[in-house]
């Protein structure tokens, strides 16, 4: 019986900048994209980290103790809101650590009266 060689992992190249330039011209795309911008940034970070270490979704799943479909959902913007624990597992699987930051807005807004009351009551 002849044993077939395992195919070598070769990520598909994608020109994100060119894709976005073209897509931004479509009606409604810009607004929808901006609404999910944070999720897209996260997905790009996840994919870049995985590709950098040359792992497949299956390999990341095994390292995380989950399934390929769970990793696929994690890498799909707007479909799923992962927990911090899940993001830490993914980061560890791809040889990274997770950093979460709160970055002040350029023009801070005042908290609403309701928020201010909650704060003073606490």
C-alpha atoms as a PDB file:
ATOM      1  CA  UNK A   1       0.000   0.000   0.000  1.00  0.00           C
ATOM      2  CA  UNK A   2       1.383   3.411  -0.971  1.00  0.00           C
ATOM      3  CA  UNK A   3       1.427   6.074   1.752  1.00  0.00           C
ATOM      4  CA  UNK A   4       0.700   9.601   0.536  1.00  0.00           C
ATOM      5  CA  UNK A   5       2.899  12.460   1.720  1.00  0.00           C
ATOM      6  CA  UNK A   6       1.333  15.052   4.000  1.00  0.00           C
ATOM      7  CA  UNK A   7       0.699  18.310   2.124  1.00  0.00           C
ATOM      8  CA  UNK A   8       2.903  21.197   3.243  1.00  0.00           C
ATOM      9  CA  UNK A   9       1.071  24.078   4.940  1.00  0.00           C
ATOM     10  CA  UNK A  10       1.046  27.111   2.662  1.00  0.00           C
ATOM     11  CA  UNK A  11      -1.032  30.095   3.778  1.00  0.00           C
ATOM     12  CA  UNK A  12      -3.103  31.808   1.099  1.00  0.00           C
ATOM     13  CA  UNK A  13      -1.766  35.277   0.349  1.00  0.00           C
ATOM     14  CA  UNK A  14      -4.297  38.086   0.606  1.00  0.00           C
ATOM     15  CA  UNK A  15      -3.816  41.804  -0.084  1.00  0.00           C
ATOM     16  CA  UNK A  16      -5.997  43.306   2.653  1.00  0.00           C
ATOM     17  CA  UNK A  17      -5.268  46.898   1.651  1.00  0.00           C
ATOM     18  CA  UNK A  18      -6.345  46.360  -1.974  1.00  0.00           C
ATOM     19  CA  UNK A  19      -9.412  44.408  -0.838  1.00  0.00           C
ATOM     20  CA  UNK A  20     -10.511  47.222   1.506  1.00  0.00           C
ATOM     21  CA  UNK A  21      -9.922  49.949  -1.072  1.00  0.00           C
ATOM     22  CA  UNK A  22     -12.212  48.143  -3.504  1.00  0.00           C
ATOM     23  CA  UNK A  23     -14.800  47.153  -0.888  1.00  0.00           C
ATOM     24  CA  UNK A  24     -15.054  50.687   0.585  1.00  0.00           C
ATOM     25  CA  UNK A  25     -16.582  51.801  -2.718  1.00  0.00           C
ATOM     26  CA  UNK A  26     -19.592  49.497  -2.230  1.00  0.00           C
ATOM     27  CA  UNK A  27     -22.721  51.042  -0.774  1.00  0.00           C
ATOM     28  CA  UNK A  28     -23.025  50.490   2.984  1.00  0.00           C
ATOM     29  CA  UNK A  29     -19.704  48.670   3.313  1.00  0.00           C
ATOM     30  CA  UNK A  30     -17.800  51.504   4.988  1.00  0.00           C
ATOM     31  CA  UNK A  31     -20.407  51.935   7.733  1.00  0.00           C
ATOM     32  CA  UNK A  32     -20.629  48.185   8.357  1.00  0.00           C
ATOM     33  CA  UNK A  33     -16.843  47.841   8.402  1.00  0.00           C
ATOM     34  CA  UNK A  34     -16.383  50.723  10.815  1.00  0.00           C
ATOM     35  CA  UNK A  35     -18.988  49.196  13.129  1.00  0.00           C
ATOM     36  CA  UNK A  36     -16.902  45.992  13.313  1.00  0.00           C
ATOM     37  CA  UNK A  37     -13.474  47.641  13.082  1.00  0.00           C
ATOM     38  CA  UNK A  38     -12.276  46.450  16.508  1.00  0.00           C
ATOM     39  CA  UNK A  39     -13.254  42.873  15.672  1.00  0.00           C
ATOM     40  CA  UNK A  40     -11.425  43.051  12.328  1.00  0.00           C
ATOM     41  CA  UNK A  41      -8.297  44.372  14.048  1.00  0.00           C
ATOM     42  CA  UNK A  42      -8.428  41.473  16.511  1.00  0.00           C
ATOM     43  CA  UNK A  43      -8.912  38.914  13.726  1.00  0.00           C
ATOM     44  CA  UNK A  44      -5.947  40.329  11.784  1.00  0.00           C
ATOM     45  CA  UNK A  45      -3.806  40.038  14.938  1.00  0.00           C
ATOM     46  CA  UNK A  46      -4.901  36.437  15.514  1.00  0.00           C
ATOM     47  CA  UNK A  47      -4.250  35.397  11.921  1.00  0.00           C
ATOM     48  CA  UNK A  48      -0.907  37.205  11.746  1.00  0.00           C
ATOM     49  CA  UNK A  49       0.292  35.486  14.933  1.00  0.00           C
ATOM     50  CA  UNK A  50      -0.801  32.044  13.700  1.00  0.00           C
ATOM     51  CA  UNK A  51       0.800  32.519  10.270  1.00  0.00           C
ATOM     52  CA  UNK A  52       3.992  33.894  11.848  1.00  0.00           C
ATOM     53  CA  UNK A  53       4.526  30.594  13.704  1.00  0.00           C
ATOM     54  CA  UNK A  54       3.309  28.507  10.741  1.00  0.00           C
ATOM     55  CA  UNK A  55       0.464  26.692  12.497  1.00  0.00           C
ATOM     56  CA  UNK A  56      -2.796  25.465  11.006  1.00  0.00           C
ATOM     57  CA  UNK A  57      -6.143  25.954  12.711  1.00  0.00           C
ATOM     58  CA  UNK A  58      -6.060  22.244  13.582  1.00  0.00           C
ATOM     59  CA  UNK A  59      -2.686  22.615  15.292  1.00  0.00           C
ATOM     60  CA  UNK A  60      -3.798  25.682  17.255  1.00  0.00           C
ATOM     61  CA  UNK A  61      -6.969  23.836  18.282  1.00  0.00           C
ATOM     62  CA  UNK A  62      -4.938  20.904  19.564  1.00  0.00           C
ATOM     63  CA  UNK A  63      -2.664  23.215  21.571  1.00  0.00           C
ATOM     64  CA  UNK A  64      -5.723  24.995  23.017  1.00  0.00           C
ATOM     65  CA  UNK A  65      -7.561  21.774  23.787  1.00  0.00           C
ATOM     66  CA  UNK A  66     -10.468  22.645  21.502  1.00  0.00           C
ATOM     67  CA  UNK A  67     -11.724  21.965  17.983  1.00  0.00           C
ATOM     68  CA  UNK A  68     -10.761  23.394  14.601  1.00  0.00           C
ATOM     69  CA  UNK A  69     -14.289  24.782  14.240  1.00  0.00           C
ATOM     70  CA  UNK A  70     -13.881  26.693  17.519  1.00  0.00           C
ATOM     71  CA  UNK A  71     -10.629  28.234  16.235  1.00  0.00           C
ATOM     72  CA  UNK A  72     -12.337  29.041  12.935  1.00  0.00           C
ATOM     73  CA  UNK A  73     -15.133  30.863  14.792  1.00  0.00           C
ATOM     74  CA  UNK A  74     -12.544  32.727  16.847  1.00  0.00           C
ATOM     75  CA  UNK A  75     -10.830  33.888  13.656  1.00  0.00           C
ATOM     76  CA  UNK A  76     -14.089  35.120  12.069  1.00  0.00           C
ATOM     77  CA  UNK A  77     -14.958  38.767  12.769  1.00  0.00           C
ATOM     78  CA  UNK A  78     -18.402  39.624  14.034  1.00  0.00           C
ATOM     79  CA  UNK A  79     -19.602  36.068  14.565  1.00  0.00           C
ATOM     80  CA  UNK A  80     -18.397  35.446  18.081  1.00  0.00           C
ATOM     81  CA  UNK A  81     -17.294  37.388  21.165  1.00  0.00           C
ATOM     82  CA  UNK A  82     -14.461  35.337  22.695  1.00  0.00           C
ATOM     83  CA  UNK A  83     -13.724  35.404  26.412  1.00  0.00           C
ATOM     84  CA  UNK A  84     -10.450  36.722  27.770  1.00  0.00           C
ATOM     85  CA  UNK A  85      -9.604  33.156  28.848  1.00  0.00           C
ATOM     86  CA  UNK A  86     -10.062  31.912  25.271  1.00  0.00           C
ATOM     87  CA  UNK A  87      -7.918  34.716  23.870  1.00  0.00           C
ATOM     88  CA  UNK A  88      -5.202  33.866  26.422  1.00  0.00           C
ATOM     89  CA  UNK A  89      -5.276  30.205  25.324  1.00  0.00           C
ATOM     90  CA  UNK A  90      -5.007  31.215  21.664  1.00  0.00           C
ATOM     91  CA  UNK A  91      -2.144  33.613  22.422  1.00  0.00           C
ATOM     92  CA  UNK A  92      -0.273  30.913  24.323  1.00  0.00           C
ATOM     93  CA  UNK A  93      -0.838  28.397  21.494  1.00  0.00           C
ATOM     94  CA  UNK A  94       0.784  30.770  18.974  1.00  0.00           C
ATOM     95  CA  UNK A  95       3.681  31.723  21.243  1.00  0.00           C
ATOM     96  CA  UNK A  96       2.342  35.077  22.391  1.00  0.00           C
ATOM     97  CA  UNK A  97       0.862  36.683  25.479  1.00  0.00           C
ATOM     98  CA  UNK A  98      -2.318  38.735  25.597  1.00  0.00           C
ATOM     99  CA  UNK A  99      -2.330  42.470  26.320  1.00  0.00           C
ATOM    100  CA  UNK A 100      -5.556  44.377  26.842  1.00  0.00           C
ATOM    101  CA  UNK A 101      -5.484  48.158  27.008  1.00  0.00           C
ATOM    102  CA  UNK A 102      -7.983  50.919  27.586  1.00  0.00           C
ATOM    103  CA  UNK A 103      -6.870  53.788  25.377  1.00  0.00           C
ATOM    104  CA  UNK A 104      -8.321  57.224  26.155  1.00  0.00           C
ATOM    105  CA  UNK A 105     -10.332  58.798  23.366  1.00  0.00           C
ATOM    106  CA  UNK A 106      -8.817  61.859  21.734  1.00  0.00           C
ATOM    107  CA  UNK A 107     -11.744  63.897  23.058  1.00  0.00           C
ATOM    108  CA  UNK A 108     -13.050  62.317  26.253  1.00  0.00           C
ATOM    109  CA  UNK A 109     -16.761  62.505  26.900  1.00  0.00           C
ATOM    110  CA  UNK A 110     -18.223  63.207  30.307  1.00  0.00           C
ATOM    111  CA  UNK A 111     -19.902  60.241  31.981  1.00  0.00           C
ATOM    112  CA  UNK A 112     -23.673  60.355  31.866  1.00  0.00           C
ATOM    113  CA  UNK A 113     -25.542  61.512  34.967  1.00  0.00           C
ATOM    114  CA  UNK A 114     -26.704  57.931  35.529  1.00  0.00           C
ATOM    115  CA  UNK A 115     -23.118  56.650  35.434  1.00  0.00           C
ATOM    116  CA  UNK A 116     -21.974  59.409  37.799  1.00  0.00           C
ATOM    117  CA  UNK A 117     -24.785  58.534  40.275  1.00  0.00           C
ATOM    118  CA  UNK A 118     -23.805  54.831  40.198  1.00  0.00           C
ATOM    119  CA  UNK A 119     -20.198  55.749  40.868  1.00  0.00           C
ATOM    120  CA  UNK A 120     -21.025  57.979  43.833  1.00  0.00           C
ATOM    121  CA  UNK A 121     -23.416  55.368  45.261  1.00  0.00           C
ATOM    122  CA  UNK A 122     -20.731  52.621  45.146  1.00  0.00           C
END
